[in-house]
Protein backbone atom coordinates (compact mmCIF):
# COMPACT_ATOMS: atom_id res chain seq x y z
CA UNK A 1 -22.90 -82.41 -50.39
CA UNK A 2 -23.20 -85.91 -51.81
CA UNK A 3 -24.01 -87.20 -55.25
CA UNK A 4 -24.93 -90.55 -56.67
CA UNK A 5 -23.12 -92.05 -59.63
CA UNK A 6 -25.49 -93.23 -62.36
CA UNK A 7 -25.36 -94.32 -65.99
CA UNK A 8 -22.04 -94.36 -67.79
CA UNK A 9 -20.36 -92.58 -64.85
CA UNK A 10 -21.24 -95.55 -62.64
CA UNK A 11 -19.84 -97.99 -65.20
CA UNK A 12 -16.56 -96.05 -65.37
CA UNK A 13 -16.32 -96.05 -61.57
CA UNK A 14 -16.93 -99.80 -61.44
CA UNK A 15 -14.17 -100.43 -63.99
CA UNK A 16 -11.79 -98.10 -62.12
CA UNK A 17 -12.56 -100.04 -58.93
CA UNK A 18 -11.35 -103.20 -60.68
CA UNK A 19 -14.56 -104.86 -61.86
CA UNK A 20 -13.55 -106.99 -64.84
CA UNK A 21 -16.89 -107.47 -66.60
CA UNK A 22 -19.93 -105.27 -66.10
CA UNK A 23 -23.25 -106.21 -67.71
CA UNK A 24 -24.43 -103.05 -69.46
CA UNK A 25 -27.02 -101.77 -71.85
CA UNK A 26 -25.11 -99.81 -74.50
CA UNK A 27 -25.58 -97.21 -77.22
CA UNK A 28 -23.61 -94.81 -79.36
CA UNK A 29 -26.52 -92.33 -79.47
CA UNK A 30 -27.34 -91.20 -75.91
CA UNK A 31 -27.98 -92.25 -72.32
CA UNK A 32 -31.72 -92.00 -73.09
CA UNK A 33 -31.25 -94.49 -75.93
CA UNK A 34 -29.69 -96.86 -73.39
CA UNK A 35 -32.72 -96.45 -71.11
CA UNK A 36 -34.97 -97.34 -74.07
CA UNK A 37 -32.85 -100.46 -74.65
CA UNK A 38 -33.46 -101.51 -71.06
CA UNK A 39 -37.19 -100.80 -71.27
CA UNK A 40 -37.52 -102.69 -74.56
CA UNK A 41 -35.24 -105.55 -73.43
CA UNK A 42 -33.20 -105.38 -76.63
CA UNK A 43 -30.64 -108.15 -76.10
CA UNK A 44 -28.57 -106.95 -79.05
CA UNK A 45 -27.44 -104.02 -76.94
CA UNK A 46 -26.74 -105.77 -73.63
CA UNK A 47 -23.09 -106.74 -73.36
CA UNK A 48 -20.19 -107.31 -70.96
CA UNK A 49 -18.12 -104.11 -70.71
CA UNK A 50 -14.49 -104.88 -69.92
CA UNK A 51 -12.72 -101.51 -70.14
CA UNK A 52 -12.92 -97.77 -70.83
CA UNK A 53 -10.29 -96.30 -73.18
CA UNK A 54 -10.06 -93.16 -75.30
CA UNK A 55 -13.57 -92.04 -74.35
CA UNK A 56 -15.25 -95.34 -75.26
CA UNK A 57 -16.40 -98.43 -73.41
CA UNK A 58 -15.10 -101.68 -74.86
CA UNK A 59 -17.14 -104.85 -74.66
CA UNK A 60 -15.95 -108.41 -74.47
CA UNK A 61 -16.56 -108.71 -78.23
CA UNK A 62 -14.14 -105.77 -78.78
CA UNK A 63 -16.77 -103.28 -79.98
CA UNK A 64 -16.62 -99.67 -78.78
CA UNK A 65 -19.60 -97.89 -77.23
CA UNK A 66 -20.03 -94.25 -76.21
CA UNK A 67 -22.61 -94.97 -73.47
CA UNK A 68 -22.84 -97.96 -71.14
CA UNK A 69 -25.30 -98.20 -68.26
CA UNK A 70 -24.83 -101.09 -65.81
CA UNK A 71 -27.72 -103.48 -65.40
CA UNK A 72 -28.42 -106.38 -63.12
CA UNK A 73 -29.21 -109.71 -64.74
CA UNK A 74 -30.78 -112.16 -62.34
CA UNK A 75 -33.04 -115.15 -62.80
CA UNK A 76 -36.65 -114.78 -61.73
CA UNK A 77 -37.81 -116.61 -58.64
CA UNK A 78 -41.25 -117.77 -57.65
CA UNK A 79 -41.51 -114.78 -55.30
CA UNK A 80 -40.73 -112.36 -58.16
CA UNK A 81 -43.80 -113.46 -60.07
CA UNK A 82 -45.98 -114.07 -56.99
CA UNK A 83 -46.85 -117.65 -57.83
C-alpha cells in the first residue's frame, strides 16, 4: 500500500528532509482556501516557508500559517505559450 504526500503534509516532509525555503500558497482557513489562492494567483498569500513549529508553518517574514501547500514558480518559456 502506497500513498502520496500532498498539501501541507508534503510541505512538512520537505522541511523535515532539510529543504530551507519552500515556495507555498498559505492560509489560516483551510487547504481548500489555499487551492483558491493558487487558482486566483493571489500573490499576498504566496511565501517562502522556512520551518514548521508548534503546529504552524513559519514564513521568511516570520508570520505563522496553519496551511501551506508547496507550489512551483518558474518563468514561462516560448514553448509554454506556444508562440
